[in-house]
N, C-alpha and C. Protein backbone atom coordinates (compact mmCIF):
# COMPACT_ATOMS: atom_id res chain seq x y z
N MET A 1 0.85 -1.20 0.00
CA MET A 1 0.00 0.00 0.00
C MET A 1 0.89 1.25 0.00
N GLU A 2 0.62 2.18 -0.90
CA GLU A 2 1.46 3.37 -1.01
C GLU A 2 1.32 4.27 0.21
N GLU A 3 2.40 4.98 0.52
CA GLU A 3 2.42 5.89 1.66
C GLU A 3 2.19 7.32 1.19
N VAL A 4 1.52 8.11 2.05
CA VAL A 4 1.17 9.48 1.70
C VAL A 4 1.56 10.42 2.84
N ASP A 5 1.78 11.69 2.49
CA ASP A 5 2.01 12.71 3.50
C ASP A 5 0.69 13.12 4.13
N ILE A 6 0.67 13.30 5.44
CA ILE A 6 -0.50 13.80 6.15
C ILE A 6 -0.41 15.32 6.19
N LEU A 7 -1.47 16.00 5.71
CA LEU A 7 -1.48 17.45 5.60
C LEU A 7 -2.28 18.05 6.76
N LEU A 8 -1.78 19.19 7.28
CA LEU A 8 -2.44 19.82 8.42
C LEU A 8 -3.08 21.15 8.02
N PRO A 9 -4.37 21.37 8.39
CA PRO A 9 -4.99 22.68 8.19
C PRO A 9 -4.38 23.68 9.16
N PRO A 10 -4.47 25.01 8.88
CA PRO A 10 -5.31 25.58 7.82
C PRO A 10 -4.63 25.68 6.46
N MET A 11 -3.30 25.57 6.40
CA MET A 11 -2.60 25.74 5.13
C MET A 11 -2.35 24.42 4.41
N PHE A 12 -2.65 23.32 5.10
CA PHE A 12 -2.52 21.98 4.51
C PHE A 12 -1.11 21.71 3.98
N GLU A 13 -0.13 22.07 4.82
CA GLU A 13 1.26 21.73 4.54
C GLU A 13 1.56 20.35 5.13
N PRO A 14 2.59 19.64 4.61
CA PRO A 14 2.95 18.33 5.18
C PRO A 14 3.30 18.44 6.66
N SER A 15 2.74 17.55 7.44
CA SER A 15 2.94 17.58 8.89
C SER A 15 4.24 16.89 9.30
N GLY A 16 4.83 16.13 8.39
CA GLY A 16 5.98 15.31 8.72
C GLY A 16 5.57 13.88 9.03
N GLN A 17 4.28 13.66 9.19
CA GLN A 17 3.77 12.32 9.44
C GLN A 17 3.41 11.64 8.12
N ILE A 18 3.76 10.38 8.01
CA ILE A 18 3.49 9.59 6.80
C ILE A 18 2.71 8.35 7.21
N LYS A 19 1.66 8.04 6.45
CA LYS A 19 0.85 6.85 6.69
C LYS A 19 0.56 6.17 5.35
N THR A 20 0.07 4.94 5.43
CA THR A 20 -0.47 4.34 4.22
C THR A 20 -1.76 5.07 3.87
N ARG A 21 -2.11 5.09 2.60
CA ARG A 21 -3.34 5.77 2.19
C ARG A 21 -4.55 5.13 2.87
N LYS A 22 -4.55 3.81 3.01
CA LYS A 22 -5.67 3.13 3.67
C LYS A 22 -5.82 3.60 5.10
N GLN A 23 -4.70 3.73 5.84
CA GLN A 23 -4.77 4.16 7.23
C GLN A 23 -5.21 5.61 7.33
N ALA A 24 -4.76 6.44 6.38
CA ALA A 24 -5.18 7.85 6.37
C ALA A 24 -6.69 7.95 6.20
N TYR A 25 -7.26 7.10 5.34
CA TYR A 25 -8.72 7.07 5.17
C TYR A 25 -9.40 6.70 6.48
N VAL A 26 -8.91 5.66 7.13
CA VAL A 26 -9.51 5.19 8.38
C VAL A 26 -9.44 6.27 9.45
N ASP A 27 -8.30 7.01 9.49
CA ASP A 27 -8.09 8.01 10.54
C ASP A 27 -8.71 9.36 10.20
N GLY A 28 -9.24 9.52 8.98
CA GLY A 28 -9.85 10.79 8.59
C GLY A 28 -8.85 11.90 8.35
N ASP A 29 -7.63 11.55 7.96
CA ASP A 29 -6.59 12.56 7.72
C ASP A 29 -6.76 13.23 6.36
N TRP A 30 -6.18 14.41 6.23
CA TRP A 30 -6.15 15.13 4.95
C TRP A 30 -4.91 14.70 4.19
N ILE A 31 -5.10 14.34 2.91
CA ILE A 31 -3.97 13.97 2.05
C ILE A 31 -4.09 14.68 0.71
N GLY A 32 -2.99 14.76 -0.03
CA GLY A 32 -2.96 15.51 -1.29
C GLY A 32 -3.34 14.66 -2.49
N THR A 33 -4.11 15.25 -3.39
CA THR A 33 -4.48 14.57 -4.64
C THR A 33 -4.30 15.52 -5.82
N PHE A 34 -4.27 14.92 -7.00
CA PHE A 34 -3.99 15.62 -8.26
C PHE A 34 -5.16 15.40 -9.20
N ASN A 35 -5.69 16.49 -9.78
CA ASN A 35 -6.72 16.39 -10.83
C ASN A 35 -6.24 17.09 -12.08
N LEU A 36 -6.22 16.39 -13.20
CA LEU A 36 -5.92 17.02 -14.48
C LEU A 36 -7.15 16.92 -15.37
N TRP A 37 -7.65 18.07 -15.79
CA TRP A 37 -8.79 18.14 -16.70
C TRP A 37 -8.27 18.34 -18.12
N ILE A 38 -8.60 17.41 -19.01
CA ILE A 38 -8.18 17.51 -20.40
C ILE A 38 -9.34 18.08 -21.21
N VAL A 39 -9.06 19.14 -21.95
CA VAL A 39 -10.07 19.74 -22.81
C VAL A 39 -9.64 19.58 -24.27
N THR A 40 -10.61 19.56 -25.16
CA THR A 40 -10.33 19.35 -26.58
C THR A 40 -11.23 20.25 -27.42
N ARG A 41 -10.77 20.59 -28.61
CA ARG A 41 -11.57 21.33 -29.58
C ARG A 41 -12.12 20.41 -30.67
N ASN A 42 -11.84 19.13 -30.56
CA ASN A 42 -12.13 18.17 -31.62
C ASN A 42 -13.28 17.25 -31.24
N PRO A 43 -14.47 17.31 -31.87
CA PRO A 43 -14.82 18.19 -32.99
C PRO A 43 -15.40 19.53 -32.54
N GLU A 44 -15.63 19.71 -31.22
CA GLU A 44 -16.10 20.97 -30.67
C GLU A 44 -15.56 21.08 -29.25
N PRO A 45 -15.55 22.27 -28.66
CA PRO A 45 -15.02 22.42 -27.29
C PRO A 45 -15.69 21.44 -26.32
N ALA A 46 -14.87 20.63 -25.68
CA ALA A 46 -15.40 19.57 -24.82
C ALA A 46 -14.40 19.26 -23.71
N ILE A 47 -14.89 18.55 -22.69
CA ILE A 47 -14.06 18.07 -21.60
C ILE A 47 -14.01 16.54 -21.67
N ILE A 48 -12.81 15.98 -21.52
CA ILE A 48 -12.65 14.54 -21.49
C ILE A 48 -12.96 14.03 -20.08
N TYR A 49 -13.90 13.11 -20.00
CA TYR A 49 -14.30 12.52 -18.71
C TYR A 49 -13.98 11.03 -18.68
N GLN A 50 -13.56 10.55 -17.52
CA GLN A 50 -13.52 9.11 -17.28
C GLN A 50 -14.88 8.66 -16.75
N GLN A 51 -15.33 7.52 -17.22
CA GLN A 51 -16.47 6.88 -16.58
C GLN A 51 -15.92 5.86 -15.60
N ARG A 52 -16.32 5.98 -14.33
CA ARG A 52 -15.80 5.12 -13.30
C ARG A 52 -16.38 3.71 -13.44
N SER A 53 -15.61 2.75 -13.02
CA SER A 53 -16.03 1.36 -13.12
C SER A 53 -17.24 1.09 -12.23
N PRO A 54 -18.13 0.19 -12.66
CA PRO A 54 -19.24 -0.21 -11.79
C PRO A 54 -18.76 -0.91 -10.52
N ARG A 55 -17.49 -1.36 -10.51
CA ARG A 55 -16.92 -2.03 -9.33
C ARG A 55 -16.17 -1.08 -8.41
N SER A 56 -16.14 0.20 -8.76
CA SER A 56 -15.40 1.17 -7.97
C SER A 56 -15.98 1.30 -6.56
N THR A 57 -15.11 1.51 -5.58
CA THR A 57 -15.58 1.69 -4.20
C THR A 57 -16.08 3.10 -3.96
N TRP A 58 -15.89 3.97 -4.93
CA TRP A 58 -16.40 5.34 -4.81
C TRP A 58 -16.99 5.78 -6.15
N ALA A 59 -18.22 6.30 -6.10
CA ALA A 59 -18.92 6.85 -7.27
C ALA A 59 -18.92 5.90 -8.47
N PRO A 60 -19.31 4.64 -8.29
CA PRO A 60 -19.34 3.70 -9.42
C PRO A 60 -20.24 4.19 -10.54
N ASN A 61 -19.77 4.00 -11.78
CA ASN A 61 -20.50 4.32 -13.02
C ASN A 61 -20.58 5.81 -13.36
N LEU A 62 -20.16 6.67 -12.46
CA LEU A 62 -20.32 8.10 -12.70
C LEU A 62 -19.15 8.67 -13.50
N LEU A 63 -19.36 9.87 -14.06
CA LEU A 63 -18.33 10.55 -14.84
C LEU A 63 -17.50 11.44 -13.92
N ASP A 64 -16.18 11.35 -14.06
CA ASP A 64 -15.30 12.11 -13.17
C ASP A 64 -14.11 12.64 -13.96
N VAL A 65 -13.20 13.28 -13.23
CA VAL A 65 -12.07 14.01 -13.81
C VAL A 65 -11.28 13.15 -14.82
N SER A 66 -10.69 13.80 -15.82
CA SER A 66 -9.96 13.10 -16.89
C SER A 66 -8.92 12.14 -16.33
N ALA A 67 -8.10 12.63 -15.41
CA ALA A 67 -7.08 11.79 -14.77
C ALA A 67 -6.83 12.34 -13.37
N ALA A 68 -6.65 11.44 -12.43
CA ALA A 68 -6.49 11.87 -11.04
C ALA A 68 -5.75 10.81 -10.25
N GLY A 69 -5.22 11.22 -9.11
CA GLY A 69 -4.56 10.27 -8.23
C GLY A 69 -4.05 10.94 -6.98
N HIS A 70 -3.53 10.14 -6.07
CA HIS A 70 -2.98 10.64 -4.82
C HIS A 70 -1.48 10.86 -4.94
N TYR A 71 -1.02 11.89 -4.29
CA TYR A 71 0.42 12.12 -4.22
C TYR A 71 1.05 11.12 -3.25
N LYS A 72 2.12 10.49 -3.68
CA LYS A 72 2.89 9.66 -2.77
C LYS A 72 3.74 10.55 -1.86
N ALA A 73 4.14 10.02 -0.74
CA ALA A 73 4.92 10.79 0.22
C ALA A 73 6.15 11.40 -0.45
N GLY A 74 6.32 12.72 -0.27
CA GLY A 74 7.50 13.41 -0.80
C GLY A 74 7.36 13.92 -2.21
N GLU A 75 6.25 13.64 -2.90
CA GLU A 75 6.10 14.08 -4.28
C GLU A 75 5.80 15.57 -4.36
N LYS A 76 6.20 16.19 -5.49
CA LYS A 76 5.89 17.59 -5.78
C LYS A 76 4.52 17.67 -6.46
N LEU A 77 4.05 18.94 -6.63
CA LEU A 77 2.72 19.15 -7.19
C LEU A 77 2.55 18.50 -8.55
N THR A 78 3.51 18.72 -9.44
CA THR A 78 3.35 18.20 -10.80
C THR A 78 3.73 16.73 -10.93
N ASP A 79 4.17 16.09 -9.85
CA ASP A 79 4.44 14.65 -9.90
C ASP A 79 3.17 13.85 -10.17
N GLY A 80 2.02 14.49 -9.99
CA GLY A 80 0.76 13.82 -10.29
C GLY A 80 0.63 13.46 -11.76
N LEU A 81 1.47 14.03 -12.61
CA LEU A 81 1.42 13.71 -14.03
C LEU A 81 1.71 12.24 -14.31
N ARG A 82 2.36 11.56 -13.37
CA ARG A 82 2.60 10.12 -13.57
C ARG A 82 1.26 9.37 -13.67
N GLU A 83 0.23 9.88 -12.97
CA GLU A 83 -1.08 9.24 -13.03
C GLU A 83 -1.67 9.31 -14.43
N VAL A 84 -1.43 10.44 -15.13
CA VAL A 84 -1.95 10.61 -16.48
C VAL A 84 -1.30 9.60 -17.42
N ASP A 85 0.01 9.43 -17.26
CA ASP A 85 0.75 8.48 -18.07
C ASP A 85 0.24 7.06 -17.82
N GLU A 86 0.04 6.73 -16.54
CA GLU A 86 -0.40 5.38 -16.18
C GLU A 86 -1.83 5.11 -16.64
N GLU A 87 -2.72 6.07 -16.42
CA GLU A 87 -4.15 5.83 -16.68
C GLU A 87 -4.52 5.97 -18.14
N LEU A 88 -3.91 6.96 -18.84
CA LEU A 88 -4.35 7.30 -20.20
C LEU A 88 -3.27 7.14 -21.26
N GLY A 89 -2.06 6.75 -20.86
CA GLY A 89 -0.98 6.61 -21.82
C GLY A 89 -0.54 7.93 -22.42
N LYS A 90 -0.74 9.03 -21.67
CA LYS A 90 -0.39 10.36 -22.15
C LYS A 90 0.74 10.93 -21.29
N HIS A 91 1.76 11.47 -21.98
CA HIS A 91 2.87 12.09 -21.26
C HIS A 91 2.86 13.59 -21.52
N TYR A 92 2.61 14.37 -20.47
CA TYR A 92 2.63 15.82 -20.57
C TYR A 92 3.75 16.37 -19.69
N ALA A 93 4.41 17.42 -20.17
CA ALA A 93 5.46 18.07 -19.39
C ALA A 93 4.84 19.05 -18.40
N PRO A 94 5.49 19.26 -17.25
CA PRO A 94 4.95 20.20 -16.25
C PRO A 94 4.67 21.59 -16.80
N ASP A 95 5.49 22.06 -17.77
CA ASP A 95 5.28 23.42 -18.28
C ASP A 95 4.15 23.50 -19.31
N GLU A 96 3.53 22.36 -19.63
CA GLU A 96 2.41 22.35 -20.58
C GLU A 96 1.06 22.52 -19.90
N ILE A 97 1.00 22.21 -18.61
CA ILE A 97 -0.29 22.22 -17.93
C ILE A 97 -0.55 23.56 -17.26
N ILE A 98 -1.83 23.90 -17.14
CA ILE A 98 -2.27 25.18 -16.57
C ILE A 98 -2.77 24.92 -15.15
N ARG A 99 -2.21 25.61 -14.18
CA ARG A 99 -2.66 25.41 -12.79
C ARG A 99 -3.93 26.23 -12.55
N LEU A 100 -4.94 25.56 -12.00
CA LEU A 100 -6.22 26.21 -11.71
C LEU A 100 -6.37 26.57 -10.24
N GLY A 101 -5.56 25.99 -9.36
CA GLY A 101 -5.66 26.29 -7.94
C GLY A 101 -5.87 25.04 -7.11
N ARG A 102 -6.54 25.20 -5.95
CA ARG A 102 -6.76 24.09 -5.01
C ARG A 102 -8.21 24.07 -4.56
N ARG A 103 -8.65 22.92 -4.10
CA ARG A 103 -9.96 22.79 -3.50
C ARG A 103 -9.90 21.70 -2.44
N LEU A 104 -10.90 21.69 -1.56
CA LEU A 104 -11.02 20.64 -0.56
C LEU A 104 -12.18 19.73 -0.93
N PHE A 105 -11.99 18.44 -0.71
CA PHE A 105 -13.05 17.49 -1.04
C PHE A 105 -13.14 16.41 0.02
N VAL A 106 -14.35 16.10 0.44
CA VAL A 106 -14.61 14.98 1.33
C VAL A 106 -15.59 14.05 0.63
N GLY A 107 -15.21 12.80 0.49
CA GLY A 107 -16.09 11.82 -0.14
C GLY A 107 -16.15 10.55 0.68
N PHE A 108 -17.22 9.79 0.51
CA PHE A 108 -17.38 8.55 1.26
C PHE A 108 -17.34 7.35 0.33
N ASN A 109 -16.57 6.36 0.74
CA ASN A 109 -16.45 5.13 -0.03
C ASN A 109 -17.62 4.19 0.28
N THR A 110 -17.80 3.20 -0.56
CA THR A 110 -18.91 2.28 -0.36
C THR A 110 -18.75 1.45 0.91
N ASN A 111 -17.50 1.37 1.45
CA ASN A 111 -17.28 0.61 2.69
C ASN A 111 -17.44 1.48 3.93
N GLY A 112 -17.83 2.75 3.75
CA GLY A 112 -18.10 3.62 4.89
C GLY A 112 -16.94 4.50 5.30
N THR A 113 -15.71 4.25 4.80
CA THR A 113 -14.60 5.14 5.11
C THR A 113 -14.70 6.41 4.27
N SER A 114 -14.03 7.46 4.74
CA SER A 114 -14.06 8.72 3.99
C SER A 114 -12.67 9.04 3.47
N HIS A 115 -12.64 9.86 2.42
CA HIS A 115 -11.35 10.39 1.99
C HIS A 115 -11.43 11.90 2.00
N ASN A 116 -10.49 12.50 2.70
CA ASN A 116 -10.41 13.94 2.85
C ASN A 116 -9.22 14.43 2.02
N ASN A 117 -9.52 15.07 0.90
CA ASN A 117 -8.50 15.39 -0.08
C ASN A 117 -8.27 16.89 -0.24
N VAL A 118 -7.00 17.26 -0.30
CA VAL A 118 -6.60 18.59 -0.74
C VAL A 118 -6.20 18.43 -2.20
N VAL A 119 -7.02 18.98 -3.10
CA VAL A 119 -6.89 18.68 -4.52
C VAL A 119 -6.17 19.81 -5.25
N GLU A 120 -5.10 19.47 -5.94
CA GLU A 120 -4.38 20.40 -6.81
C GLU A 120 -4.97 20.26 -8.21
N LEU A 121 -5.44 21.38 -8.77
CA LEU A 121 -6.19 21.35 -10.03
C LEU A 121 -5.36 21.86 -11.20
N TYR A 122 -5.41 21.14 -12.31
CA TYR A 122 -4.70 21.53 -13.52
C TYR A 122 -5.58 21.26 -14.74
N MET A 123 -5.22 21.92 -15.85
CA MET A 123 -5.94 21.72 -17.11
C MET A 123 -4.93 21.71 -18.26
N ILE A 124 -5.26 20.97 -19.31
CA ILE A 124 -4.43 20.98 -20.52
C ILE A 124 -5.34 20.75 -21.72
N GLU A 125 -4.97 21.33 -22.85
CA GLU A 125 -5.68 21.08 -24.10
C GLU A 125 -4.97 19.98 -24.87
N ASP A 126 -5.73 18.98 -25.30
CA ASP A 126 -5.21 17.88 -26.11
C ASP A 126 -6.28 17.53 -27.13
N ASN A 127 -5.99 17.73 -28.41
CA ASN A 127 -6.98 17.52 -29.46
C ASN A 127 -6.90 16.13 -30.11
N ALA A 128 -6.26 15.20 -29.41
CA ALA A 128 -6.18 13.83 -29.91
C ALA A 128 -7.56 13.17 -29.88
N LEU A 129 -7.76 12.20 -30.74
CA LEU A 129 -8.98 11.41 -30.74
C LEU A 129 -9.00 10.49 -29.51
N LEU A 130 -10.18 10.10 -29.08
CA LEU A 130 -10.28 9.18 -27.95
C LEU A 130 -9.55 7.87 -28.23
N GLU A 131 -9.52 7.47 -29.51
CA GLU A 131 -8.86 6.22 -29.88
C GLU A 131 -7.35 6.27 -29.64
N GLU A 132 -6.80 7.45 -29.48
CA GLU A 132 -5.35 7.59 -29.26
C GLU A 132 -4.95 7.44 -27.80
N TYR A 133 -5.92 7.42 -26.90
CA TYR A 133 -5.62 7.21 -25.48
C TYR A 133 -5.46 5.71 -25.22
N VAL A 134 -4.53 5.37 -24.34
CA VAL A 134 -4.31 3.98 -23.94
C VAL A 134 -4.85 3.82 -22.52
N LEU A 135 -6.00 3.19 -22.39
CA LEU A 135 -6.68 3.13 -21.10
C LEU A 135 -6.11 2.01 -20.23
N GLU A 136 -5.73 2.38 -18.99
CA GLU A 136 -5.21 1.39 -18.05
C GLU A 136 -6.35 0.49 -17.59
N GLU A 137 -6.18 -0.80 -17.81
CA GLU A 137 -7.28 -1.74 -17.57
C GLU A 137 -7.77 -1.71 -16.12
N ALA A 138 -6.84 -1.58 -15.17
CA ALA A 138 -7.22 -1.65 -13.76
C ALA A 138 -7.87 -0.37 -13.26
N GLU A 139 -7.70 0.74 -13.98
CA GLU A 139 -8.12 2.04 -13.46
C GLU A 139 -9.23 2.71 -14.27
N VAL A 140 -9.17 2.60 -15.59
CA VAL A 140 -10.06 3.39 -16.44
C VAL A 140 -11.08 2.47 -17.12
N TYR A 141 -12.34 2.66 -16.80
CA TYR A 141 -13.40 1.83 -17.37
C TYR A 141 -13.77 2.31 -18.78
N ALA A 142 -13.92 3.63 -18.94
CA ALA A 142 -14.29 4.19 -20.24
C ALA A 142 -13.92 5.66 -20.26
N LEU A 143 -13.90 6.23 -21.46
CA LEU A 143 -13.53 7.63 -21.67
C LEU A 143 -14.51 8.25 -22.65
N CYS A 144 -14.91 9.50 -22.38
CA CYS A 144 -15.82 10.17 -23.30
C CYS A 144 -15.53 11.67 -23.33
N ALA A 145 -15.96 12.33 -24.40
CA ALA A 145 -15.81 13.78 -24.54
C ALA A 145 -17.19 14.41 -24.44
N CYS A 146 -17.38 15.25 -23.42
CA CYS A 146 -18.67 15.91 -23.20
C CYS A 146 -18.57 17.37 -23.65
N PRO A 147 -19.35 17.77 -24.65
CA PRO A 147 -19.30 19.16 -25.12
C PRO A 147 -19.59 20.15 -23.99
N VAL A 148 -18.83 21.22 -23.94
CA VAL A 148 -19.00 22.20 -22.88
C VAL A 148 -20.40 22.80 -22.91
N ARG A 149 -20.92 23.09 -24.10
CA ARG A 149 -22.26 23.70 -24.20
C ARG A 149 -23.32 22.77 -23.61
N GLU A 150 -23.17 21.46 -23.82
CA GLU A 150 -24.11 20.49 -23.28
C GLU A 150 -23.95 20.37 -21.76
N LEU A 151 -22.71 20.37 -21.30
CA LEU A 151 -22.46 20.27 -19.86
C LEU A 151 -23.10 21.43 -19.11
N LEU A 152 -22.92 22.63 -19.63
CA LEU A 152 -23.46 23.80 -18.95
C LEU A 152 -24.98 23.73 -18.88
N GLN A 153 -25.60 23.28 -19.95
CA GLN A 153 -27.06 23.17 -19.93
C GLN A 153 -27.52 22.10 -18.94
N ALA A 154 -26.80 20.98 -18.90
CA ALA A 154 -27.17 19.91 -17.97
C ALA A 154 -27.00 20.35 -16.51
N HIS A 155 -25.92 21.08 -16.22
CA HIS A 155 -25.70 21.53 -14.84
C HIS A 155 -26.72 22.58 -14.42
N GLN A 156 -27.28 23.30 -15.37
CA GLN A 156 -28.23 24.36 -15.05
C GLN A 156 -29.68 23.89 -15.07
N ASP A 157 -29.93 22.75 -15.72
CA ASP A 157 -31.30 22.26 -15.88
C ASP A 157 -31.35 20.77 -15.51
N PRO A 158 -31.90 20.42 -14.34
CA PRO A 158 -31.93 19.02 -13.90
C PRO A 158 -32.66 18.08 -14.85
N SER A 159 -33.53 18.61 -15.71
CA SER A 159 -34.28 17.76 -16.62
C SER A 159 -33.57 17.53 -17.96
N TYR A 160 -32.42 18.18 -18.17
CA TYR A 160 -31.75 18.11 -19.47
C TYR A 160 -30.85 16.87 -19.55
N ASN A 161 -30.93 16.17 -20.68
CA ASN A 161 -30.08 15.01 -20.96
C ASN A 161 -29.43 15.18 -22.32
N PHE A 162 -28.23 14.64 -22.45
CA PHE A 162 -27.61 14.55 -23.77
C PHE A 162 -26.85 13.23 -23.87
N SER A 163 -26.52 12.83 -25.08
CA SER A 163 -25.88 11.55 -25.31
C SER A 163 -24.49 11.73 -25.89
N VAL A 164 -23.53 10.92 -25.43
CA VAL A 164 -22.18 10.91 -25.99
C VAL A 164 -21.74 9.47 -26.17
N LYS A 165 -20.72 9.28 -27.01
CA LYS A 165 -20.13 7.95 -27.17
C LYS A 165 -18.97 7.80 -26.20
N ALA A 166 -18.98 6.74 -25.43
CA ALA A 166 -17.89 6.44 -24.51
C ALA A 166 -17.05 5.31 -25.11
N ARG A 167 -15.72 5.48 -25.07
CA ARG A 167 -14.83 4.43 -25.56
C ARG A 167 -14.43 3.53 -24.41
N LEU A 168 -14.68 2.23 -24.56
CA LEU A 168 -14.37 1.24 -23.53
C LEU A 168 -12.94 0.75 -23.67
N GLN A 169 -12.49 0.01 -22.65
CA GLN A 169 -11.11 -0.48 -22.63
C GLN A 169 -10.76 -1.34 -23.82
N ASP A 170 -11.73 -2.10 -24.33
CA ASP A 170 -11.45 -3.02 -25.44
C ASP A 170 -11.50 -2.33 -26.80
N GLY A 171 -11.70 -1.00 -26.79
CA GLY A 171 -11.73 -0.25 -28.04
C GLY A 171 -13.12 -0.08 -28.63
N SER A 172 -14.09 -0.78 -28.10
CA SER A 172 -15.46 -0.61 -28.57
C SER A 172 -16.06 0.66 -27.98
N SER A 173 -17.22 1.05 -28.46
CA SER A 173 -17.86 2.26 -27.95
C SER A 173 -19.31 1.98 -27.64
N VAL A 174 -19.86 2.81 -26.74
CA VAL A 174 -21.24 2.66 -26.33
C VAL A 174 -21.81 4.06 -26.10
N ASP A 175 -23.08 4.24 -26.43
CA ASP A 175 -23.74 5.52 -26.17
C ASP A 175 -24.15 5.58 -24.71
N ILE A 176 -23.84 6.69 -24.05
CA ILE A 176 -24.28 6.89 -22.68
C ILE A 176 -25.07 8.18 -22.57
N SER A 177 -26.04 8.19 -21.70
CA SER A 177 -26.85 9.38 -21.46
C SER A 177 -26.25 10.16 -20.29
N VAL A 178 -26.13 11.47 -20.46
CA VAL A 178 -25.50 12.32 -19.46
C VAL A 178 -26.51 13.35 -18.97
N ASN A 179 -26.59 13.49 -17.66
CA ASN A 179 -27.42 14.52 -17.06
C ASN A 179 -26.79 14.97 -15.75
N GLN A 180 -27.50 15.78 -14.99
CA GLN A 180 -26.94 16.35 -13.77
C GLN A 180 -26.54 15.29 -12.75
N LYS A 181 -27.18 14.12 -12.81
CA LYS A 181 -26.90 13.04 -11.87
C LYS A 181 -25.76 12.13 -12.33
N SER A 182 -25.13 12.46 -13.46
CA SER A 182 -24.07 11.62 -14.00
C SER A 182 -22.72 11.85 -13.34
N PHE A 183 -22.65 12.83 -12.43
CA PHE A 183 -21.38 13.23 -11.83
C PHE A 183 -21.43 13.02 -10.31
N PRO A 184 -20.29 12.75 -9.69
CA PRO A 184 -20.29 12.60 -8.23
C PRO A 184 -20.77 13.89 -7.55
N GLU A 185 -21.45 13.73 -6.43
CA GLU A 185 -21.91 14.90 -5.68
C GLU A 185 -20.72 15.65 -5.09
N ASN A 186 -20.77 16.96 -5.18
CA ASN A 186 -19.71 17.80 -4.63
C ASN A 186 -20.35 19.02 -3.98
N TRP A 187 -19.94 19.32 -2.77
CA TRP A 187 -20.56 20.42 -2.02
C TRP A 187 -20.34 21.77 -2.69
N ASP A 188 -19.30 21.88 -3.52
CA ASP A 188 -18.97 23.18 -4.13
C ASP A 188 -19.30 23.25 -5.62
N ASP A 189 -20.21 22.38 -6.11
CA ASP A 189 -20.58 22.38 -7.53
C ASP A 189 -19.36 22.25 -8.43
N TYR A 190 -18.47 21.35 -8.05
CA TYR A 190 -17.18 21.21 -8.72
C TYR A 190 -17.30 21.03 -10.22
N HIS A 191 -18.11 20.09 -10.66
CA HIS A 191 -18.17 19.78 -12.09
C HIS A 191 -18.80 20.92 -12.89
N HIS A 192 -19.74 21.61 -12.31
CA HIS A 192 -20.30 22.79 -12.97
C HIS A 192 -19.23 23.88 -13.10
N LYS A 193 -18.47 24.08 -12.04
CA LYS A 193 -17.42 25.11 -12.08
C LYS A 193 -16.35 24.78 -13.11
N ILE A 194 -15.98 23.50 -13.22
CA ILE A 194 -14.97 23.11 -14.21
C ILE A 194 -15.50 23.36 -15.63
N ALA A 195 -16.77 23.11 -15.87
CA ALA A 195 -17.35 23.42 -17.17
C ALA A 195 -17.27 24.91 -17.46
N LEU A 196 -17.49 25.73 -16.44
CA LEU A 196 -17.39 27.18 -16.61
C LEU A 196 -15.94 27.60 -16.86
N VAL A 197 -15.00 26.96 -16.17
CA VAL A 197 -13.58 27.25 -16.41
C VAL A 197 -13.20 26.88 -17.85
N ALA A 198 -13.69 25.75 -18.32
CA ALA A 198 -13.42 25.33 -19.70
C ALA A 198 -14.00 26.33 -20.70
N GLN A 199 -15.19 26.82 -20.43
CA GLN A 199 -15.81 27.84 -21.29
C GLN A 199 -14.93 29.09 -21.33
N ARG A 200 -14.43 29.51 -20.17
CA ARG A 200 -13.55 30.68 -20.11
C ARG A 200 -12.26 30.43 -20.89
N TYR A 201 -11.72 29.20 -20.77
CA TYR A 201 -10.50 28.86 -21.50
C TYR A 201 -10.72 28.97 -23.01
N PHE A 202 -11.80 28.39 -23.50
CA PHE A 202 -12.05 28.41 -24.94
C PHE A 202 -12.41 29.80 -25.45
N SER A 203 -12.83 30.69 -24.56
CA SER A 203 -13.10 32.06 -24.98
C SER A 203 -11.84 32.92 -24.97
N GLY A 204 -10.71 32.34 -24.54
CA GLY A 204 -9.43 33.04 -24.62
C GLY A 204 -8.93 33.63 -23.31
N GLU A 205 -9.63 33.40 -22.21
CA GLU A 205 -9.15 33.92 -20.94
C GLU A 205 -7.86 33.24 -20.51
N LYS A 206 -7.00 33.97 -19.83
CA LYS A 206 -5.71 33.44 -19.38
C LYS A 206 -5.69 33.15 -17.89
N ASP A 207 -6.40 33.98 -17.10
CA ASP A 207 -6.44 33.78 -15.66
C ASP A 207 -7.60 32.86 -15.33
N LEU A 208 -7.28 31.58 -15.11
CA LEU A 208 -8.32 30.56 -14.96
C LEU A 208 -8.40 30.01 -13.55
N LEU A 209 -8.03 30.82 -12.56
CA LEU A 209 -8.05 30.36 -11.18
C LEU A 209 -9.44 29.84 -10.82
N TYR A 210 -9.49 28.65 -10.28
CA TYR A 210 -10.74 27.98 -9.94
C TYR A 210 -11.49 28.74 -8.85
């Protein structure tokens, strides 16, 4: 089991204490995580989402961040890019990604434990086709591109649905229906805010602080 740094509020700096990630969950400690949101213009402005596995212990079947993971003990902020390489077969350099800031997240696993995460947020534009991603079998169930215009409408209207093609691990594709309930619950409207950040990015804004 990988070891993680325990972070202390209010600034969430490393405390000097290191635990296994499993023990940190059990103890309710704050640990660092990495989120990279991939946006594309192909064929229209969209956000790349992972569909979580139905066997996942957290948010099964739901759509979540393009690539994410926990920082191992001693890692720097951009070391989270190793997760992108592992999960999606994509290698990005630290100077290619755009930092969006930080957020706090508390989620509950299906076994009743919680994860308290200090999330470092980044974004990058990649106009590759979904077929060019190499999905890690153990981590990534499916991948899809959700148009920003559709996402914004779904987040603003609980009755709105739209359909996208999701690419599965075996290379096949399936149509999935997306609506406001397709995303994990977040106290700060995280997925809606990311759609708004993506809209700002595609409109040419440079200051994209979350």
